[in-house]
Amino acid sequence: MKNRLEEIRKQRGIKQEGLAEALEVSRQTIGSLENGRYNPSILLAFKISRYFKLNIEEIFIYEEE
């Protein structure tokens, strides 16, 4: 699954550390999400979408393989 997390975060001037703190996850988790090494749980995806006030589909792009 691809995502626009890094792009959206940078557009809004938010550092990985700040986003991690707001979402109650580690900075490493944010880095792994941004690099596509990790897909979020549905709960974390909802937290991210609510934080940015966007729909999940605006952040995460599901691609069938």
PDB file of N, CA and C in Angstrom:
ATOM      1  N   MET A   1       0.842  -1.170   0.000  1.00  0.00           N
ATOM      2  CA  MET A   1       0.000   0.000   0.000  1.00  0.00           C
ATOM      3  C   MET A   1       0.891   1.238   0.000  1.00  0.00           C
ATOM      4  N   LYS A   2       0.606   2.150  -0.908  1.00  0.00           N
ATOM      5  CA  LYS A   2       1.351   3.402  -0.951  1.00  0.00           C
ATOM      6  C   LYS A   2       0.649   4.431  -0.071  1.00  0.00           C
ATOM      7  N   ASN A   3       1.390   5.488   0.276  1.00  0.00           N
ATOM      8  CA  ASN A   3       0.754   6.545   1.048  1.00  0.00           C
ATOM      9  C   ASN A   3       1.398   7.893   0.745  1.00  0.00           C
ATOM     10  N   ARG A   4       0.690   8.944   1.109  1.00  0.00           N
ATOM     11  CA  ARG A   4       1.140  10.312   0.899  1.00  0.00           C
ATOM     12  C   ARG A   4       1.513  10.965   2.232  1.00  0.00           C
ATOM     13  N   LEU A   5       1.783  10.161   3.239  1.00  0.00           N
ATOM     14  CA  LEU A   5       2.008  10.666   4.588  1.00  0.00           C
ATOM     15  C   LEU A   5       3.141  11.688   4.645  1.00  0.00           C
ATOM     16  N   GLU A   6       4.294  11.343   4.074  1.00  0.00           N
ATOM     17  CA  GLU A   6       5.432  12.264   4.122  1.00  0.00           C
ATOM     18  C   GLU A   6       5.107  13.572   3.404  1.00  0.00           C
ATOM     19  N   GLU A   7       4.500  13.476   2.249  1.00  0.00           N
ATOM     20  CA  GLU A   7       4.134  14.665   1.471  1.00  0.00           C
ATOM     21  C   GLU A   7       3.194  15.574   2.265  1.00  0.00           C
ATOM     22  N   ILE A   8       2.158  15.002   2.845  1.00  0.00           N
ATOM     23  CA  ILE A   8       1.177  15.779   3.608  1.00  0.00           C
ATOM     24  C   ILE A   8       1.812  16.378   4.853  1.00  0.00           C
ATOM     25  N   ARG A   9       2.618  15.578   5.543  1.00  0.00           N
ATOM     26  CA  ARG A   9       3.279  16.056   6.762  1.00  0.00           C
ATOM     27  C   ARG A   9       4.172  17.245   6.457  1.00  0.00           C
ATOM     28  N   LYS A  10       4.972  17.141   5.397  1.00  0.00           N
ATOM     29  CA  LYS A  10       5.894  18.225   5.043  1.00  0.00           C
ATOM     30  C   LYS A  10       5.159  19.476   4.569  1.00  0.00           C
ATOM     31  N   GLN A  11       4.060  19.293   3.819  1.00  0.00           N
ATOM     32  CA  GLN A  11       3.257  20.433   3.370  1.00  0.00           C
ATOM     33  C   GLN A  11       2.754  21.243   4.559  1.00  0.00           C
ATOM     34  N   ARG A  12       2.482  20.576   5.641  1.00  0.00           N
ATOM     35  CA  ARG A  12       1.930  21.236   6.821  1.00  0.00           C
ATOM     36  C   ARG A  12       3.000  21.640   7.831  1.00  0.00           C
ATOM     37  N   GLY A  13       4.261  21.393   7.482  1.00  0.00           N
ATOM     38  CA  GLY A  13       5.360  21.821   8.342  1.00  0.00           C
ATOM     39  C   GLY A  13       5.465  21.073   9.650  1.00  0.00           C
ATOM     40  N   ILE A  14       5.109  19.795   9.622  1.00  0.00           N
ATOM     41  CA  ILE A  14       5.134  18.968  10.831  1.00  0.00           C
ATOM     42  C   ILE A  14       6.331  18.024  10.752  1.00  0.00           C
ATOM     43  N   LYS A  15       7.079  17.949  11.827  1.00  0.00           N
ATOM     44  CA  LYS A  15       8.215  17.035  11.887  1.00  0.00           C
ATOM     45  C   LYS A  15       7.723  15.633  12.269  1.00  0.00           C
ATOM     46  N   GLN A  16       8.519  14.622  11.900  1.00  0.00           N
ATOM     47  CA  GLN A  16       8.169  13.241  12.252  1.00  0.00           C
ATOM     48  C   GLN A  16       7.946  13.104  13.755  1.00  0.00           C
ATOM     49  N   GLU A  17       8.800  13.752  14.543  1.00  0.00           N
ATOM     50  CA  GLU A  17       8.703  13.648  15.996  1.00  0.00           C
ATOM     51  C   GLU A  17       7.367  14.198  16.500  1.00  0.00           C
ATOM     52  N   GLY A  18       6.955  15.336  15.942  1.00  0.00           N
ATOM     53  CA  GLY A  18       5.693  15.949  16.356  1.00  0.00           C
ATOM     54  C   GLY A  18       4.493  15.097  16.008  1.00  0.00           C
ATOM     55  N   LEU A  19       4.519  14.519  14.812  1.00  0.00           N
ATOM     56  CA  LEU A  19       3.422  13.651  14.387  1.00  0.00           C
ATOM     57  C   LEU A  19       3.381  12.395  15.249  1.00  0.00           C
ATOM     58  N   ALA A  20       4.542  11.828  15.502  1.00  0.00           N
ATOM     59  CA  ALA A  20       4.624  10.621  16.337  1.00  0.00           C
ATOM     60  C   ALA A  20       4.054  10.883  17.732  1.00  0.00           C
ATOM     61  N   GLU A  21       4.407  12.011  18.306  1.00  0.00           N
ATOM     62  CA  GLU A  21       3.923  12.349  19.638  1.00  0.00           C
ATOM     63  C   GLU A  21       2.400  12.511  19.633  1.00  0.00           C
ATOM     64  N   ALA A  22       1.867  13.199  18.626  1.00  0.00           N
ATOM     65  CA  ALA A  22       0.424  13.420  18.532  1.00  0.00           C
ATOM     66  C   ALA A  22      -0.337  12.109  18.369  1.00  0.00           C
ATOM     67  N   LEU A  23       0.265  11.149  17.659  1.00  0.00           N
ATOM     68  CA  LEU A  23      -0.394   9.864  17.392  1.00  0.00           C
ATOM     69  C   LEU A  23      -0.056   8.791  18.421  1.00  0.00           C
ATOM     70  N   GLU A  24       0.834   9.137  19.357  1.00  0.00           N
ATOM     71  CA  GLU A  24       1.272   8.210  20.404  1.00  0.00           C
ATOM     72  C   GLU A  24       1.948   6.973  19.843  1.00  0.00           C
ATOM     73  N   VAL A  25       2.828   7.206  18.855  1.00  0.00           N
ATOM     74  CA  VAL A  25       3.665   6.149  18.286  1.00  0.00           C
ATOM     75  C   VAL A  25       5.099   6.662  18.275  1.00  0.00           C
ATOM     76  N   SER A  26       6.049   5.816  17.895  1.00  0.00           N
ATOM     77  CA  SER A  26       7.440   6.241  17.841  1.00  0.00           C
ATOM     78  C   SER A  26       7.741   6.964  16.521  1.00  0.00           C
ATOM     79  N   ARG A  27       8.810   7.748  16.522  1.00  0.00           N
ATOM     80  CA  ARG A  27       9.244   8.404  15.296  1.00  0.00           C
ATOM     81  C   ARG A  27       9.620   7.358  14.256  1.00  0.00           C
ATOM     82  N   GLN A  28      10.164   6.221  14.722  1.00  0.00           N
ATOM     83  CA  GLN A  28      10.531   5.145  13.824  1.00  0.00           C
ATOM     84  C   GLN A  28       9.302   4.582  13.105  1.00  0.00           C
ATOM     85  N   THR A  29       8.176   4.527  13.798  1.00  0.00           N
ATOM     86  CA  THR A  29       6.933   4.062  13.167  1.00  0.00           C
ATOM     87  C   THR A  29       6.534   4.994  12.041  1.00  0.00           C
ATOM     88  N   ILE A  30       6.627   6.298  12.272  1.00  0.00           N
ATOM     89  CA  ILE A  30       6.292   7.272  11.230  1.00  0.00           C
ATOM     90  C   ILE A  30       7.236   7.094  10.041  1.00  0.00           C
ATOM     91  N   GLY A  31       8.526   6.966  10.309  1.00  0.00           N
ATOM     92  CA  GLY A  31       9.507   6.759   9.239  1.00  0.00           C
ATOM     93  C   GLY A  31       9.216   5.500   8.443  1.00  0.00           C
ATOM     94  N   SER A  32       8.871   4.424   9.141  1.00  0.00           N
ATOM     95  CA  SER A  32       8.565   3.161   8.458  1.00  0.00           C
ATOM     96  C   SER A  32       7.304   3.274   7.612  1.00  0.00           C
ATOM     97  N   LEU A  33       6.304   3.985   8.097  1.00  0.00           N
ATOM     98  CA  LEU A  33       5.088   4.217   7.312  1.00  0.00           C
ATOM     99  C   LEU A  33       5.426   5.002   6.047  1.00  0.00           C
ATOM    100  N   GLU A  34       6.188   6.069   6.212  1.00  0.00           N
ATOM    101  CA  GLU A  34       6.528   6.925   5.076  1.00  0.00           C
ATOM    102  C   GLU A  34       7.358   6.191   4.030  1.00  0.00           C
ATOM    103  N   ASN A  35       8.200   5.280   4.458  1.00  0.00           N
ATOM    104  CA  ASN A  35       9.062   4.539   3.536  1.00  0.00           C
ATOM    105  C   ASN A  35       8.401   3.272   2.991  1.00  0.00           C
ATOM    106  N   GLY A  36       7.167   3.020   3.386  1.00  0.00           N
ATOM    107  CA  GLY A  36       6.444   1.866   2.877  1.00  0.00           C
ATOM    108  C   GLY A  36       6.887   0.536   3.456  1.00  0.00           C
ATOM    109  N   ARG A  37       7.650   0.563   4.543  1.00  0.00           N
ATOM    110  CA  ARG A  37       8.099  -0.687   5.170  1.00  0.00           C
ATOM    111  C   ARG A  37       7.037  -1.263   6.097  1.00  0.00           C
ATOM    112  N   TYR A  38       6.031  -0.437   6.402  1.00  0.00           N
ATOM    113  CA  TYR A  38       5.026  -0.824   7.390  1.00  0.00           C
ATOM    114  C   TYR A  38       3.685  -0.262   6.960  1.00  0.00           C
ATOM    115  N   ASN A  39       2.637  -1.078   7.017  1.00  0.00           N
ATOM    116  CA  ASN A  39       1.276  -0.613   6.778  1.00  0.00           C
ATOM    117  C   ASN A  39       0.607  -0.410   8.132  1.00  0.00           C
ATOM    118  N   PRO A  40      -0.132   0.678   8.291  1.00  0.00           N
ATOM    119  CA  PRO A  40      -0.722   0.959   9.600  1.00  0.00           C
ATOM    120  C   PRO A  40      -1.885   0.025   9.919  1.00  0.00           C
ATOM    121  N   SER A  41      -2.122  -0.146  11.202  1.00  0.00           N
ATOM    122  CA  SER A  41      -3.350  -0.825  11.622  1.00  0.00           C
ATOM    123  C   SER A  41      -4.509   0.075  11.218  1.00  0.00           C
ATOM    124  N   ILE A  42      -5.697  -0.453  11.189  1.00  0.00           N
ATOM    125  CA  ILE A  42      -6.852   0.362  10.825  1.00  0.00           C
ATOM    126  C   ILE A  42      -7.044   1.482  11.847  1.00  0.00           C
ATOM    127  N   LEU A  43      -6.774   1.208  13.112  1.00  0.00           N
ATOM    128  CA  LEU A  43      -6.889   2.218  14.157  1.00  0.00           C
ATOM    129  C   LEU A  43      -5.905   3.361  13.914  1.00  0.00           C
ATOM    130  N   LEU A  44      -4.655   3.027  13.599  1.00  0.00           N
ATOM    131  CA  LEU A  44      -3.659   4.063  13.339  1.00  0.00           C
ATOM    132  C   LEU A  44      -4.004   4.843  12.072  1.00  0.00           C
ATOM    133  N   ALA A  45      -4.502   4.171  11.051  1.00  0.00           N
ATOM    134  CA  ALA A  45      -4.910   4.867   9.824  1.00  0.00           C
ATOM    135  C   ALA A  45      -6.000   5.887  10.131  1.00  0.00           C
ATOM    136  N   PHE A  46      -6.967   5.512  10.973  1.00  0.00           N
ATOM    137  CA  PHE A  46      -8.025   6.452  11.363  1.00  0.00           C
ATOM    138  C   PHE A  46      -7.454   7.618  12.160  1.00  0.00           C
ATOM    139  N   LYS A  47      -6.528   7.338  13.089  1.00  0.00           N
ATOM    140  CA  LYS A  47      -5.911   8.411  13.872  1.00  0.00           C
ATOM    141  C   LYS A  47      -5.194   9.406  12.960  1.00  0.00           C
ATOM    142  N   ILE A  48      -4.464   8.882  11.976  1.00  0.00           N
ATOM    143  CA  ILE A  48      -3.736   9.742  11.040  1.00  0.00           C
ATOM    144  C   ILE A  48      -4.715  10.583  10.225  1.00  0.00           C
ATOM    145  N   SER A  49      -5.770   9.969   9.730  1.00  0.00           N
ATOM    146  CA  SER A  49      -6.734  10.703   8.913  1.00  0.00           C
ATOM    147  C   SER A  49      -7.438  11.779   9.732  1.00  0.00           C
ATOM    148  N   ARG A  50      -7.764  11.483  10.969  1.00  0.00           N
ATOM    149  CA  ARG A  50      -8.403  12.496  11.822  1.00  0.00           C
ATOM    150  C   ARG A  50      -7.440  13.612  12.162  1.00  0.00           C
ATOM    151  N   TYR A  51      -6.182  13.281  12.409  1.00  0.00           N
ATOM    152  CA  TYR A  51      -5.177  14.294  12.727  1.00  0.00           C
ATOM    153  C   TYR A  51      -5.061  15.307  11.593  1.00  0.00           C
ATOM    154  N   PHE A  52      -5.019  14.820  10.364  1.00  0.00           N
ATOM    155  CA  PHE A  52      -4.868  15.702   9.206  1.00  0.00           C
ATOM    156  C   PHE A  52      -6.206  16.202   8.656  1.00  0.00           C
ATOM    157  N   LYS A  53      -7.315  15.716   9.239  1.00  0.00           N
ATOM    158  CA  LYS A  53      -8.659  16.082   8.775  1.00  0.00           C
ATOM    159  C   LYS A  53      -8.844  15.757   7.288  1.00  0.00           C
ATOM    160  N   LEU A  54      -8.407  14.549   6.929  1.00  0.00           N
ATOM    161  CA  LEU A  54      -8.541  14.033   5.568  1.00  0.00           C
ATOM    162  C   LEU A  54      -9.178  12.647   5.633  1.00  0.00           C
ATOM    163  N   ASN A  55      -9.737  12.207   4.521  1.00  0.00           N
ATOM    164  CA  ASN A  55     -10.225  10.836   4.437  1.00  0.00           C
ATOM    165  C   ASN A  55      -9.033   9.895   4.355  1.00  0.00           C
ATOM    166  N   ILE A  56      -9.204   8.685   4.842  1.00  0.00           N
ATOM    167  CA  ILE A  56      -8.140   7.683   4.781  1.00  0.00           C
ATOM    168  C   ILE A  56      -7.641   7.525   3.346  1.00  0.00           C
ATOM    169  N   GLU A  57      -8.580   7.529   2.387  1.00  0.00           N
ATOM    170  CA  GLU A  57      -8.224   7.328   0.979  1.00  0.00           C
ATOM    171  C   GLU A  57      -7.387   8.472   0.410  1.00  0.00           C
ATOM    172  N   GLU A  58      -7.406   9.632   1.061  1.00  0.00           N
ATOM    173  CA  GLU A  58      -6.593  10.756   0.604  1.00  0.00           C
ATOM    174  C   GLU A  58      -5.141  10.600   1.050  1.00  0.00           C
ATOM    175  N   ILE A  59      -4.907   9.740   2.016  1.00  0.00           N
ATOM    176  CA  ILE A  59      -3.563   9.521   2.564  1.00  0.00           C
ATOM    177  C   ILE A  59      -2.988   8.189   2.102  1.00  0.00           C
ATOM    178  N   PHE A  60      -3.806   7.142   2.171  1.00  0.00           N
ATOM    179  CA  PHE A  60      -3.361   5.796   1.849  1.00  0.00           C
ATOM    180  C   PHE A  60      -3.966   5.335   0.538  1.00  0.00           C
ATOM    181  N   ILE A  61      -3.126   4.817  -0.341  1.00  0.00           N
ATOM    182  CA  ILE A  61      -3.565   4.383  -1.674  1.00  0.00           C
ATOM    183  C   ILE A  61      -3.431   2.862  -1.742  1.00  0.00           C
ATOM    184  N   TYR A  62      -4.581   2.205  -1.831  1.00  0.00           N
ATOM    185  CA  TYR A  62      -4.585   0.755  -1.929  1.00  0.00           C
ATOM    186  C   TYR A  62      -4.428   0.349  -3.380  1.00  0.00           C
ATOM    187  N   GLU A  63      -3.499  -0.535  -3.641  1.00  0.00           N
ATOM    188  CA  GLU A  63      -3.287  -1.043  -5.000  1.00  0.00           C
ATOM    189  C   GLU A  63      -3.364  -2.558  -4.963  1.00  0.00           C
ATOM    190  N   GLU A  64      -4.256  -3.114  -5.768  1.00  0.00           N
ATOM    191  CA  GLU A  64      -4.334  -4.574  -5.841  1.00  0.00           C
ATOM    192  C   GLU A  64      -3.110  -5.086  -6.553  1.00  0.00           C
ATOM    193  N   GLU A  65      -2.628  -6.231  -6.102  1.00  0.00           N
ATOM    194  CA  GLU A  65      -1.394  -6.763  -6.668  1.00  0.00           C
ATOM    195  C   GLU A  65      -1.645  -7.755  -7.756  1.00  0.00           C
TER     196      GLU A  65
END
